Amino acid sequence: MNSFSEDQQDPARRVRLVALGDELLAGAGDAKALGWLGRAVARHNDGQARVDVFTAAMPRETTAQLAVRWQEDLERLIERDEEYPTDHRVVLSLGSADVDSGLSLARSRLNLATVLDGLERYKFPTFVVGPAPSADRAKTEKVFELSGAFNDVCARRRIPYVDPVAALMHHEQYMGDVARSERDIPTQTGYGLIAWLVLHSDFSQFLEPR
């Protein structure tokens, strides 16, 4: 007699989250090595292994670079088992490298649209988190414009989008945290604030099995 519960027997309830993005996705600069993603998923899992996370992060990645590599990395990280199918989710964590590299907003929009339209063929629910503020006020203004463009691309496709730069560019704790960073990236305080934004944007509902 099988001692496993019905939920344990049902592999379709397993969720595999594939996350693609830059150094903030990897939690660079976080002494706890969790970043915003680790914090958000840990809160959702609540002590249970409900969601498995597979991350492919590339430091200082532009949307042009993401548009080239996303499918290869996704194919490596998804699981195909016809008998016991896995319930997949995809998270994109977009950084500010497009601003640093001088990409136009039009090109950034096109690159993101290319990735999202490609992902649509997989039928995996997708969740997008935009770039975070910089300690450099002039750069932050440009990142704010970039994030607005990303938001519009996602809205047109009805894909959830979290806008950290809009929410945190005037947040005293976050901006103080980034100002103290040697690499213009958040530490524990900043990642915690981004995770809070994500969790309050229906992230747990996004992760639920379907």
Protein backbone atom coordinates (compact mmCIF):
# COMPACT_ATOMS: atom_id res chain seq x y z
CA MET A 1 0.00 0.00 0.00
CA ASN A 2 1.43 3.36 -0.99
CA SER A 3 1.97 5.59 2.04
CA PHE A 4 2.25 8.83 0.05
CA SER A 5 -0.57 11.34 0.17
CA GLU A 6 -2.54 12.24 -2.93
CA ASP A 7 -0.74 15.60 -3.17
CA GLN A 8 2.64 13.87 -2.97
CA GLN A 9 1.60 11.39 -5.67
CA ASP A 10 0.59 14.13 -8.07
CA PRO A 11 3.74 15.31 -9.90
CA ALA A 12 1.67 17.88 -11.78
CA ARG A 13 1.59 19.88 -8.56
CA ARG A 14 5.34 20.42 -8.77
CA VAL A 15 6.26 23.90 -9.97
CA ARG A 16 9.61 24.63 -11.58
CA LEU A 17 10.48 28.31 -11.76
CA VAL A 18 13.03 29.25 -14.43
CA ALA A 19 14.46 32.72 -13.85
CA LEU A 20 16.54 34.69 -16.35
CA GLY A 21 18.16 38.03 -15.61
CA ASP A 22 21.16 39.98 -14.41
CA GLU A 23 23.19 40.24 -11.19
CA LEU A 24 20.22 41.43 -9.11
CA LEU A 25 18.45 38.18 -9.93
CA ALA A 26 21.48 36.33 -8.54
CA GLY A 27 21.46 38.41 -5.35
CA ALA A 28 24.90 39.93 -5.91
CA GLY A 29 25.88 42.08 -2.95
CA ASP A 30 23.51 40.30 -0.57
CA ALA A 31 25.29 38.88 2.49
CA LYS A 32 22.54 36.26 2.77
CA ALA A 33 22.91 35.35 -0.94
CA LEU A 34 19.14 35.35 -1.38
CA GLY A 35 18.45 38.44 -3.45
CA TRP A 36 14.84 39.43 -4.03
CA LEU A 37 13.94 36.16 -5.76
CA GLY A 38 15.16 33.91 -2.97
CA ARG A 39 13.29 35.97 -0.40
CA ALA A 40 10.06 36.01 -2.40
CA VAL A 41 10.05 32.29 -3.18
CA ALA A 42 11.01 31.38 0.40
CA ARG A 43 8.05 33.36 1.69
CA HIS A 44 5.76 31.61 -0.81
CA ASN A 45 7.15 28.15 -0.01
CA ASP A 46 6.64 28.79 3.71
CA GLY A 47 8.90 25.95 4.81
CA GLN A 48 7.73 23.48 2.16
CA ALA A 49 9.42 22.55 -1.13
CA ARG A 50 6.51 23.79 -3.21
CA VAL A 51 8.50 25.61 -5.89
CA ASP A 52 11.92 24.67 -7.27
CA VAL A 53 14.00 27.55 -8.61
CA PHE A 54 16.48 27.27 -11.48
CA THR A 55 18.31 30.53 -12.18
CA ALA A 56 20.42 31.63 -15.15
CA ALA A 57 21.83 35.08 -14.37
CA MET A 58 24.28 37.05 -16.50
CA PRO A 59 25.93 40.14 -14.94
CA ARG A 60 25.30 43.47 -16.70
CA GLU A 61 23.16 41.84 -19.36
CA THR A 62 21.36 44.02 -21.89
CA THR A 63 18.02 43.10 -23.42
CA ALA A 64 19.87 42.52 -26.68
CA GLN A 65 21.99 39.85 -25.00
CA LEU A 66 18.96 38.35 -23.28
CA ALA A 67 17.15 38.14 -26.61
CA VAL A 68 20.03 36.04 -27.97
CA ARG A 69 20.43 33.58 -25.12
CA TRP A 70 17.02 33.19 -23.44
CA GLN A 71 15.78 30.19 -25.42
CA GLU A 72 18.94 28.12 -25.06
CA ASP A 73 19.00 28.64 -21.31
CA LEU A 74 15.28 27.96 -20.99
CA GLU A 75 15.60 24.72 -22.94
CA ARG A 76 18.39 23.60 -20.62
CA LEU A 77 16.36 24.27 -17.51
CA ILE A 78 12.86 23.06 -18.35
CA GLU A 79 11.84 19.47 -17.72
CA ARG A 80 10.01 17.36 -20.26
CA ASP A 81 8.36 14.23 -18.94
CA GLU A 82 5.20 13.13 -20.73
CA GLU A 83 4.19 10.74 -17.93
CA TYR A 84 4.80 13.21 -15.08
CA PRO A 85 4.63 16.72 -16.52
CA THR A 86 6.21 19.62 -14.62
CA ASP A 87 4.31 22.87 -14.13
CA HIS A 88 6.67 25.61 -15.33
CA ARG A 89 6.86 29.32 -14.61
CA VAL A 90 9.27 31.90 -16.06
CA VAL A 91 10.57 35.04 -14.38
CA LEU A 92 12.48 37.73 -16.25
CA SER A 93 14.51 40.14 -14.15
CA LEU A 94 15.46 43.10 -16.31
CA GLY A 95 18.38 45.33 -15.38
CA SER A 96 19.65 48.78 -16.30
CA ALA A 97 22.44 47.69 -18.64
CA ASP A 98 20.53 49.05 -21.66
CA VAL A 99 21.05 52.54 -20.23
CA ASP A 100 24.77 51.95 -19.70
CA SER A 101 25.22 50.54 -23.20
CA GLY A 102 23.30 53.35 -24.91
CA LEU A 103 20.52 51.22 -26.39
CA SER A 104 17.54 53.25 -27.56
CA LEU A 105 14.17 52.79 -25.89
CA ALA A 106 12.78 51.53 -29.19
CA ARG A 107 15.46 48.85 -29.38
CA SER A 108 14.95 47.87 -25.72
CA ARG A 109 11.20 47.54 -26.31
CA LEU A 110 11.77 45.41 -29.39
CA ASN A 111 14.22 43.13 -27.58
CA LEU A 112 11.82 42.52 -24.71
CA ALA A 113 8.91 41.98 -27.09
CA THR A 114 10.98 39.40 -28.97
CA VAL A 115 11.66 37.47 -25.77
CA LEU A 116 8.07 37.62 -24.52
CA ASP A 117 6.62 36.61 -27.88
CA GLY A 118 9.03 33.70 -27.98
CA LEU A 119 8.06 32.64 -24.49
CA GLU A 120 4.39 32.75 -25.44
CA ARG A 121 4.95 29.73 -27.67
CA TYR A 122 5.88 27.69 -24.59
CA LYS A 123 2.62 28.58 -22.84
CA PHE A 124 4.49 29.08 -19.56
CA PRO A 125 3.07 31.82 -17.32
CA THR A 126 5.59 34.68 -17.21
CA PHE A 127 6.31 37.36 -14.60
CA VAL A 128 8.61 40.33 -15.26
CA VAL A 129 10.51 42.48 -12.75
CA GLY A 130 12.06 45.69 -14.01
CA PRO A 131 15.29 47.49 -13.13
CA ALA A 132 16.02 49.12 -9.79
CA PRO A 133 17.16 52.69 -9.04
CA SER A 134 20.80 53.75 -9.15
CA ALA A 135 22.59 55.95 -6.64
CA ASP A 136 23.23 58.23 -9.64
CA ARG A 137 20.15 60.43 -9.95
CA ALA A 138 20.70 61.18 -13.65
CA LYS A 139 21.00 57.47 -14.43
CA THR A 140 17.91 56.70 -12.37
CA GLU A 141 15.87 59.09 -14.51
CA LYS A 142 16.93 57.18 -17.61
CA VAL A 143 16.21 53.85 -15.93
CA PHE A 144 12.76 55.18 -15.01
CA GLU A 145 12.06 55.83 -18.70
CA LEU A 146 13.41 52.41 -19.64
CA SER A 147 11.21 50.72 -17.05
CA GLY A 148 8.18 52.57 -18.36
CA ALA A 149 8.91 51.17 -21.81
CA PHE A 150 9.22 47.65 -20.37
CA ASN A 151 5.96 48.12 -18.50
CA ASP A 152 4.16 49.09 -21.69
CA VAL A 153 5.47 46.04 -23.57
CA CYS A 154 4.24 43.77 -20.77
CA ALA A 155 0.89 45.52 -20.43
CA ARG A 156 0.17 45.02 -24.11
CA ARG A 157 0.65 41.28 -23.57
CA ARG A 158 -1.15 41.18 -20.21
CA ILE A 159 1.99 40.00 -18.47
CA PRO A 160 2.49 41.10 -14.84
CA TYR A 161 5.23 43.68 -14.40
CA VAL A 162 6.81 44.99 -11.19
CA ASP A 163 8.43 48.44 -11.44
CA PRO A 164 11.07 48.77 -8.68
CA VAL A 165 12.54 52.02 -9.99
CA ALA A 166 9.19 53.82 -9.92
CA ALA A 167 8.42 52.52 -6.43
CA LEU A 168 11.85 53.00 -4.87
CA MET A 169 13.59 55.94 -6.54
CA HIS A 170 12.35 58.23 -3.75
CA HIS A 171 12.45 55.61 -0.99
CA GLU A 172 14.89 56.79 1.69
CA GLN A 173 15.85 53.33 2.96
CA TYR A 174 16.42 51.88 -0.50
CA MET A 175 18.38 54.82 -1.83
CA GLY A 176 20.51 54.90 1.32
CA ASP A 177 21.20 51.19 0.91
CA VAL A 178 22.34 51.59 -2.70
CA ALA A 179 24.40 54.69 -1.86
CA ARG A 180 26.41 52.64 0.65
CA SER A 181 27.02 49.88 -1.89
CA GLU A 182 30.37 49.80 -3.69
CA ARG A 183 28.75 48.45 -6.87
CA ASP A 184 25.57 50.55 -7.09
CA ILE A 185 23.48 47.50 -6.29
CA PRO A 186 21.29 46.78 -3.25
CA THR A 187 22.26 44.84 -0.17
CA GLN A 188 19.96 43.07 2.29
CA THR A 189 17.71 46.08 2.88
CA GLY A 190 17.28 46.83 -0.81
CA TYR A 191 16.62 43.25 -1.81
CA GLY A 192 14.08 42.94 0.97
CA LEU A 193 12.20 45.96 -0.36
CA ILE A 194 12.17 44.61 -3.92
CA ALA A 195 10.94 41.25 -2.62
CA TRP A 196 8.14 43.07 -0.78
CA LEU A 197 7.07 44.75 -4.02
CA VAL A 198 7.10 41.42 -5.84
CA LEU A 199 5.12 39.61 -3.16
CA HIS A 200 2.50 42.36 -3.20
CA SER A 201 2.08 41.96 -6.97
CA ASP A 202 0.30 38.57 -6.89
CA PHE A 203 3.59 36.64 -7.10
CA SER A 204 2.31 33.82 -4.88
CA GLN A 205 -0.78 33.48 -7.04
CA PHE A 206 1.48 33.35 -10.10
CA LEU A 207 3.41 30.45 -8.55
CA GLU A 208 0.39 28.33 -7.68
CA PRO A 209 -0.03 25.07 -9.67
CA ARG A 210 -2.56 25.24 -12.50
